[in-house]
Amino acid sequence: MISAININTSSCEEFIDITSLIRQKVKASAVKEGLATVFVPHTTAAVTINENADPSVVEDIISALDKIIPPNGNYSHAEGNSHAHIKSSLIGSSRQIIIQNGQLKLGTWQGIYFCEFDGPRNRQVWVEIRE
């Protein structure tokens, strides 16, 4: 079964730690061994797994992406958000996380992030948990 998590972003580009929300979905599912698939159904947003202990890591990722893919580049897309589409494609729209003993099998410093590249917006993350 697929469930949705609503996310309201507050800036043009931001990473929101959704690890606790995904953990709640795993707990509610009662699945002990399986996979959690986290999917973002948007073309200007993404999902990633990275360090969640030091917020400067997220700032560095956003800064580096802006250097490589600047918001005001020479793009053809009329909406003016090509940079967001490119960043979303590079980061990716889904991640799978192993569930072991009813818990997400993440590394010590890992967290799951919703990545906004064209906000602020009302977004969704879809989660499917399977044995």
N, C-alpha and C. Protein backbone atom coordinates (compact mmCIF):
# COMPACT_ATOMS: atom_id res chain seq x y z
N MET A 1 0.84 -1.18 0.00
CA MET A 1 0.00 0.00 0.00
C MET A 1 0.89 1.25 0.00
N ILE A 2 0.49 2.20 -0.78
CA ILE A 2 1.23 3.46 -0.86
C ILE A 2 0.55 4.49 0.01
N SER A 3 1.34 5.21 0.81
CA SER A 3 0.80 6.30 1.61
C SER A 3 1.53 7.58 1.25
N ALA A 4 0.89 8.69 1.50
CA ALA A 4 1.45 10.00 1.14
C ALA A 4 1.81 10.79 2.38
N ILE A 5 2.87 11.56 2.24
CA ILE A 5 3.28 12.52 3.26
C ILE A 5 3.23 13.89 2.60
N ASN A 6 2.50 14.82 3.18
CA ASN A 6 2.44 16.18 2.66
C ASN A 6 3.58 17.00 3.23
N ILE A 7 4.22 17.76 2.36
CA ILE A 7 5.34 18.60 2.77
C ILE A 7 5.12 19.99 2.20
N ASN A 8 5.22 20.98 3.07
CA ASN A 8 5.14 22.38 2.64
C ASN A 8 6.53 22.98 2.75
N THR A 9 7.10 23.33 1.61
CA THR A 9 8.43 23.92 1.63
C THR A 9 8.31 25.43 1.80
N SER A 10 9.39 26.03 2.31
CA SER A 10 9.30 27.46 2.64
C SER A 10 10.29 28.32 1.88
N SER A 11 11.16 27.72 1.07
CA SER A 11 12.10 28.52 0.29
C SER A 11 12.32 27.89 -1.08
N CYS A 12 13.02 28.61 -1.92
CA CYS A 12 13.25 28.15 -3.29
C CYS A 12 13.99 26.81 -3.31
N GLU A 13 15.06 26.72 -2.52
CA GLU A 13 15.82 25.49 -2.44
C GLU A 13 16.05 25.13 -0.98
N GLU A 14 15.69 23.91 -0.62
CA GLU A 14 15.92 23.46 0.74
C GLU A 14 15.85 21.95 0.80
N PHE A 15 16.51 21.39 1.79
CA PHE A 15 16.46 19.97 2.08
C PHE A 15 15.74 19.82 3.41
N ILE A 16 14.73 18.98 3.44
CA ILE A 16 13.94 18.76 4.65
C ILE A 16 14.16 17.32 5.10
N ASP A 17 14.60 17.15 6.33
CA ASP A 17 14.85 15.82 6.88
C ASP A 17 13.50 15.15 7.16
N ILE A 18 13.22 14.08 6.42
CA ILE A 18 11.94 13.37 6.56
C ILE A 18 12.14 11.98 7.19
N THR A 19 13.31 11.75 7.75
CA THR A 19 13.63 10.44 8.31
C THR A 19 12.59 9.99 9.34
N SER A 20 12.24 10.87 10.26
CA SER A 20 11.29 10.49 11.31
C SER A 20 9.91 10.17 10.72
N LEU A 21 9.54 10.86 9.67
CA LEU A 21 8.24 10.59 9.02
C LEU A 21 8.24 9.21 8.36
N ILE A 22 9.36 8.85 7.74
CA ILE A 22 9.47 7.53 7.12
C ILE A 22 9.50 6.45 8.21
N ARG A 23 10.19 6.72 9.29
CA ARG A 23 10.22 5.76 10.42
C ARG A 23 8.81 5.51 10.96
N GLN A 24 8.00 6.56 11.04
CA GLN A 24 6.62 6.41 11.50
C GLN A 24 5.83 5.50 10.57
N LYS A 25 6.04 5.65 9.27
CA LYS A 25 5.35 4.80 8.28
C LYS A 25 5.78 3.35 8.43
N VAL A 26 7.07 3.12 8.66
CA VAL A 26 7.57 1.75 8.85
C VAL A 26 6.95 1.15 10.11
N LYS A 27 6.94 1.89 11.19
CA LYS A 27 6.36 1.39 12.45
C LYS A 27 4.88 1.04 12.27
N ALA A 28 4.14 1.93 11.60
CA ALA A 28 2.71 1.71 11.40
C ALA A 28 2.44 0.49 10.52
N SER A 29 3.38 0.17 9.65
CA SER A 29 3.19 -0.96 8.73
C SER A 29 3.36 -2.31 9.41
N ALA A 30 4.08 -2.35 10.52
CA ALA A 30 4.40 -3.58 11.26
C ALA A 30 5.27 -4.54 10.45
N VAL A 31 5.86 -4.07 9.35
CA VAL A 31 6.79 -4.90 8.57
C VAL A 31 8.10 -5.00 9.34
N LYS A 32 8.58 -6.22 9.51
CA LYS A 32 9.82 -6.46 10.26
C LYS A 32 11.03 -6.58 9.34
N GLU A 33 10.86 -7.18 8.18
CA GLU A 33 11.94 -7.37 7.22
C GLU A 33 11.40 -7.01 5.85
N GLY A 34 12.01 -6.04 5.19
CA GLY A 34 11.51 -5.66 3.88
C GLY A 34 12.20 -4.44 3.33
N LEU A 35 11.45 -3.69 2.53
CA LEU A 35 11.97 -2.48 1.89
C LEU A 35 10.97 -1.35 2.01
N ALA A 36 11.49 -0.16 2.22
CA ALA A 36 10.69 1.06 2.15
C ALA A 36 11.13 1.80 0.89
N THR A 37 10.19 2.07 0.02
CA THR A 37 10.47 2.87 -1.17
C THR A 37 9.92 4.26 -0.92
N VAL A 38 10.77 5.26 -1.09
CA VAL A 38 10.38 6.66 -0.91
C VAL A 38 10.47 7.30 -2.28
N PHE A 39 9.35 7.86 -2.75
CA PHE A 39 9.25 8.39 -4.11
C PHE A 39 8.68 9.81 -4.09
N VAL A 40 9.28 10.68 -4.87
CA VAL A 40 8.82 12.06 -4.99
C VAL A 40 8.18 12.23 -6.38
N PRO A 41 6.86 12.51 -6.45
CA PRO A 41 6.18 12.61 -7.74
C PRO A 41 6.21 14.03 -8.33
N HIS A 42 7.37 14.64 -8.32
CA HIS A 42 7.51 16.01 -8.82
C HIS A 42 8.77 16.10 -9.69
N THR A 43 8.73 16.92 -10.71
CA THR A 43 9.87 17.03 -11.63
C THR A 43 10.89 18.09 -11.22
N THR A 44 10.60 18.83 -10.15
CA THR A 44 11.55 19.83 -9.66
C THR A 44 11.87 19.62 -8.18
N ALA A 45 11.72 18.38 -7.74
CA ALA A 45 12.07 17.99 -6.37
C ALA A 45 12.70 16.61 -6.44
N ALA A 46 13.31 16.19 -5.33
CA ALA A 46 14.01 14.91 -5.31
C ALA A 46 14.04 14.37 -3.89
N VAL A 47 14.66 13.20 -3.75
CA VAL A 47 14.88 12.60 -2.44
C VAL A 47 16.29 12.02 -2.42
N THR A 48 16.97 12.21 -1.30
CA THR A 48 18.33 11.69 -1.17
C THR A 48 18.57 11.22 0.25
N ILE A 49 19.65 10.49 0.42
CA ILE A 49 20.11 10.06 1.74
C ILE A 49 21.49 10.65 1.93
N ASN A 50 21.68 11.37 3.04
CA ASN A 50 22.97 11.95 3.32
C ASN A 50 23.09 12.24 4.81
N GLU A 51 24.18 12.87 5.19
CA GLU A 51 24.43 13.14 6.61
C GLU A 51 23.36 14.06 7.19
N ASN A 52 22.88 13.67 8.38
CA ASN A 52 21.90 14.52 9.06
C ASN A 52 22.37 15.01 10.42
N ALA A 53 23.66 14.85 10.71
CA ALA A 53 24.20 15.31 12.00
C ALA A 53 24.68 16.75 11.93
N ASP A 54 25.20 17.17 10.80
CA ASP A 54 25.75 18.52 10.64
C ASP A 54 25.00 19.24 9.51
N PRO A 55 24.19 20.26 9.83
CA PRO A 55 23.40 20.94 8.80
C PRO A 55 24.24 21.63 7.73
N SER A 56 25.53 21.85 8.00
CA SER A 56 26.36 22.49 6.98
C SER A 56 26.57 21.58 5.76
N VAL A 57 26.40 20.27 5.93
CA VAL A 57 26.52 19.36 4.78
C VAL A 57 25.43 19.68 3.76
N VAL A 58 24.21 19.84 4.22
CA VAL A 58 23.10 20.19 3.32
C VAL A 58 23.36 21.53 2.65
N GLU A 59 23.82 22.50 3.40
CA GLU A 59 24.14 23.82 2.83
C GLU A 59 25.21 23.68 1.75
N ASP A 60 26.21 22.85 2.00
CA ASP A 60 27.28 22.64 1.03
C ASP A 60 26.76 21.97 -0.25
N ILE A 61 25.85 21.01 -0.10
CA ILE A 61 25.28 20.33 -1.27
C ILE A 61 24.50 21.33 -2.12
N ILE A 62 23.66 22.14 -1.48
CA ILE A 62 22.88 23.14 -2.22
C ILE A 62 23.81 24.13 -2.90
N SER A 63 24.82 24.60 -2.20
CA SER A 63 25.78 25.55 -2.76
C SER A 63 26.52 24.96 -3.96
N ALA A 64 26.97 23.73 -3.83
CA ALA A 64 27.70 23.09 -4.94
C ALA A 64 26.79 22.89 -6.15
N LEU A 65 25.55 22.47 -5.91
CA LEU A 65 24.61 22.31 -7.03
C LEU A 65 24.35 23.65 -7.73
N ASP A 66 24.25 24.73 -6.96
CA ASP A 66 24.03 26.05 -7.56
C ASP A 66 25.22 26.51 -8.39
N LYS A 67 26.43 26.11 -8.00
CA LYS A 67 27.61 26.45 -8.79
C LYS A 67 27.64 25.69 -10.10
N ILE A 68 27.25 24.42 -10.04
CA ILE A 68 27.26 23.58 -11.24
C ILE A 68 26.07 23.88 -12.14
N ILE A 69 24.91 24.12 -11.52
CA ILE A 69 23.66 24.35 -12.24
C ILE A 69 23.03 25.63 -11.70
N PRO A 70 23.49 26.78 -12.16
CA PRO A 70 23.01 28.05 -11.60
C PRO A 70 21.54 28.32 -11.94
N PRO A 71 20.82 28.92 -11.00
CA PRO A 71 19.41 29.24 -11.26
C PRO A 71 19.20 30.14 -12.47
N ASN A 72 20.15 31.02 -12.76
CA ASN A 72 20.00 31.96 -13.87
C ASN A 72 20.89 31.60 -15.06
N GLY A 73 20.96 30.33 -15.38
CA GLY A 73 21.75 29.88 -16.51
C GLY A 73 21.06 30.19 -17.84
N ASN A 74 21.72 29.88 -18.90
CA ASN A 74 21.19 30.12 -20.25
C ASN A 74 20.36 28.91 -20.68
N TYR A 75 19.11 28.82 -20.16
CA TYR A 75 18.24 27.68 -20.41
C TYR A 75 17.13 28.06 -21.39
N SER A 76 16.59 27.07 -22.09
CA SER A 76 15.52 27.29 -23.07
C SER A 76 14.12 27.19 -22.49
N HIS A 77 13.95 26.42 -21.45
CA HIS A 77 12.63 26.16 -20.86
C HIS A 77 11.96 27.48 -20.44
N ALA A 78 10.78 27.73 -20.96
CA ALA A 78 10.10 29.02 -20.78
C ALA A 78 9.69 29.31 -19.33
N GLU A 79 9.47 28.30 -18.52
CA GLU A 79 9.03 28.52 -17.14
C GLU A 79 10.11 29.12 -16.26
N GLY A 80 11.36 29.03 -16.68
CA GLY A 80 12.44 29.60 -15.90
C GLY A 80 12.91 28.73 -14.74
N ASN A 81 12.55 27.46 -14.75
CA ASN A 81 12.97 26.59 -13.66
C ASN A 81 13.76 25.37 -14.16
N SER A 82 14.44 25.52 -15.27
CA SER A 82 15.24 24.41 -15.80
C SER A 82 16.27 23.92 -14.81
N HIS A 83 16.88 24.85 -14.07
CA HIS A 83 17.86 24.43 -13.07
C HIS A 83 17.26 23.44 -12.08
N ALA A 84 16.00 23.65 -11.71
CA ALA A 84 15.32 22.76 -10.77
C ALA A 84 15.08 21.38 -11.39
N HIS A 85 14.71 21.35 -12.67
CA HIS A 85 14.50 20.07 -13.35
C HIS A 85 15.82 19.28 -13.43
N ILE A 86 16.90 19.97 -13.73
CA ILE A 86 18.20 19.31 -13.86
C ILE A 86 18.66 18.77 -12.51
N LYS A 87 18.54 19.57 -11.46
CA LYS A 87 18.94 19.12 -10.12
C LYS A 87 18.11 17.92 -9.68
N SER A 88 16.82 17.96 -9.94
CA SER A 88 15.94 16.85 -9.60
C SER A 88 16.38 15.57 -10.32
N SER A 89 16.72 15.70 -11.59
CA SER A 89 17.17 14.53 -12.36
C SER A 89 18.48 13.97 -11.82
N LEU A 90 19.39 14.85 -11.43
CA LEU A 90 20.69 14.39 -10.92
C LEU A 90 20.56 13.71 -9.56
N ILE A 91 19.76 14.27 -8.66
CA ILE A 91 19.60 13.70 -7.32
C ILE A 91 18.72 12.45 -7.38
N GLY A 92 17.62 12.51 -8.10
CA GLY A 92 16.75 11.35 -8.28
C GLY A 92 15.44 11.45 -7.54
N SER A 93 14.47 10.73 -8.05
CA SER A 93 13.11 10.83 -7.51
C SER A 93 12.75 9.74 -6.52
N SER A 94 13.64 8.76 -6.30
CA SER A 94 13.29 7.71 -5.34
C SER A 94 14.52 7.10 -4.68
N ARG A 95 14.26 6.49 -3.54
CA ARG A 95 15.27 5.76 -2.79
C ARG A 95 14.61 4.55 -2.15
N GLN A 96 15.36 3.47 -2.02
CA GLN A 96 14.90 2.30 -1.28
C GLN A 96 15.77 2.13 -0.06
N ILE A 97 15.13 1.84 1.06
CA ILE A 97 15.84 1.65 2.32
C ILE A 97 15.44 0.28 2.87
N ILE A 98 16.43 -0.48 3.27
CA ILE A 98 16.19 -1.80 3.86
C ILE A 98 15.53 -1.62 5.23
N ILE A 99 14.57 -2.50 5.50
CA ILE A 99 13.95 -2.58 6.83
C ILE A 99 14.43 -3.88 7.46
N GLN A 100 15.01 -3.76 8.64
CA GLN A 100 15.51 -4.93 9.38
C GLN A 100 15.06 -4.80 10.83
N ASN A 101 14.47 -5.85 11.35
CA ASN A 101 13.94 -5.84 12.73
C ASN A 101 12.98 -4.67 12.95
N GLY A 102 12.19 -4.35 11.93
CA GLY A 102 11.20 -3.29 12.04
C GLY A 102 11.76 -1.88 12.02
N GLN A 103 13.05 -1.74 11.68
CA GLN A 103 13.71 -0.43 11.68
C GLN A 103 14.35 -0.15 10.32
N LEU A 104 14.40 1.13 9.96
CA LEU A 104 15.15 1.51 8.77
C LEU A 104 16.61 1.19 8.98
N LYS A 105 17.23 0.59 8.01
CA LYS A 105 18.65 0.22 8.11
C LYS A 105 19.48 1.34 7.48
N LEU A 106 19.66 2.41 8.26
CA LEU A 106 20.45 3.57 7.83
C LEU A 106 21.76 3.59 8.59
N GLY A 107 22.78 4.18 7.98
CA GLY A 107 24.05 4.35 8.67
C GLY A 107 23.93 5.34 9.81
N THR A 108 24.91 5.37 10.67
CA THR A 108 24.90 6.20 11.87
C THR A 108 24.55 7.65 11.58
N TRP A 109 25.11 8.22 10.53
CA TRP A 109 24.93 9.65 10.25
C TRP A 109 23.93 9.91 9.13
N GLN A 110 23.26 8.87 8.64
CA GLN A 110 22.38 9.04 7.48
C GLN A 110 20.97 9.47 7.86
N GLY A 111 20.43 10.35 7.01
CA GLY A 111 19.05 10.76 7.10
C GLY A 111 18.46 10.81 5.70
N ILE A 112 17.14 10.78 5.63
CA ILE A 112 16.43 10.84 4.35
C ILE A 112 15.94 12.27 4.17
N TYR A 113 16.25 12.86 3.03
CA TYR A 113 15.91 14.26 2.78
C TYR A 113 15.00 14.42 1.57
N PHE A 114 13.96 15.22 1.75
CA PHE A 114 13.18 15.74 0.63
C PHE A 114 13.94 16.97 0.13
N CYS A 115 14.19 17.03 -1.16
CA CYS A 115 14.97 18.11 -1.75
C CYS A 115 14.07 18.99 -2.62
N GLU A 116 13.90 20.22 -2.21
CA GLU A 116 13.11 21.21 -2.96
C GLU A 116 14.05 22.05 -3.81
N PHE A 117 13.72 22.18 -5.10
CA PHE A 117 14.53 23.00 -6.00
C PHE A 117 13.72 24.08 -6.70
N ASP A 118 12.42 24.18 -6.41
CA ASP A 118 11.56 25.15 -7.10
C ASP A 118 10.43 25.61 -6.19
N GLY A 119 10.78 25.96 -4.98
CA GLY A 119 9.76 26.30 -3.98
C GLY A 119 9.59 27.79 -3.84
N PRO A 120 8.83 28.15 -2.84
CA PRO A 120 8.10 27.27 -1.92
C PRO A 120 6.87 26.66 -2.60
N ARG A 121 6.56 25.47 -2.21
CA ARG A 121 5.43 24.73 -2.79
C ARG A 121 4.84 23.75 -1.76
N ASN A 122 3.65 23.26 -2.09
CA ASN A 122 3.04 22.15 -1.36
C ASN A 122 3.39 20.89 -2.14
N ARG A 123 4.03 19.96 -1.49
CA ARG A 123 4.55 18.77 -2.16
C ARG A 123 4.06 17.51 -1.47
N GLN A 124 4.34 16.38 -2.10
CA GLN A 124 4.06 15.08 -1.50
C GLN A 124 5.26 14.17 -1.67
N VAL A 125 5.37 13.26 -0.74
CA VAL A 125 6.30 12.14 -0.82
C VAL A 125 5.44 10.90 -0.68
N TRP A 126 5.65 9.94 -1.58
CA TRP A 126 4.91 8.69 -1.50
C TRP A 126 5.81 7.62 -0.91
N VAL A 127 5.25 6.81 -0.03
CA VAL A 127 6.01 5.75 0.63
C VAL A 127 5.28 4.44 0.45
N GLU A 128 6.04 3.43 0.02
CA GLU A 128 5.52 2.07 -0.06
C GLU A 128 6.43 1.17 0.76
N ILE A 129 5.81 0.37 1.62
CA ILE A 129 6.56 -0.54 2.46
C ILE A 129 6.13 -1.96 2.14
N ARG A 130 7.13 -2.81 1.84
CA ARG A 130 6.85 -4.19 1.45
C ARG A 130 7.74 -5.16 2.21
N GLU A 131 7.19 -6.34 2.42
CA GLU A 131 7.97 -7.43 3.00
C GLU A 131 8.79 -8.09 1.93
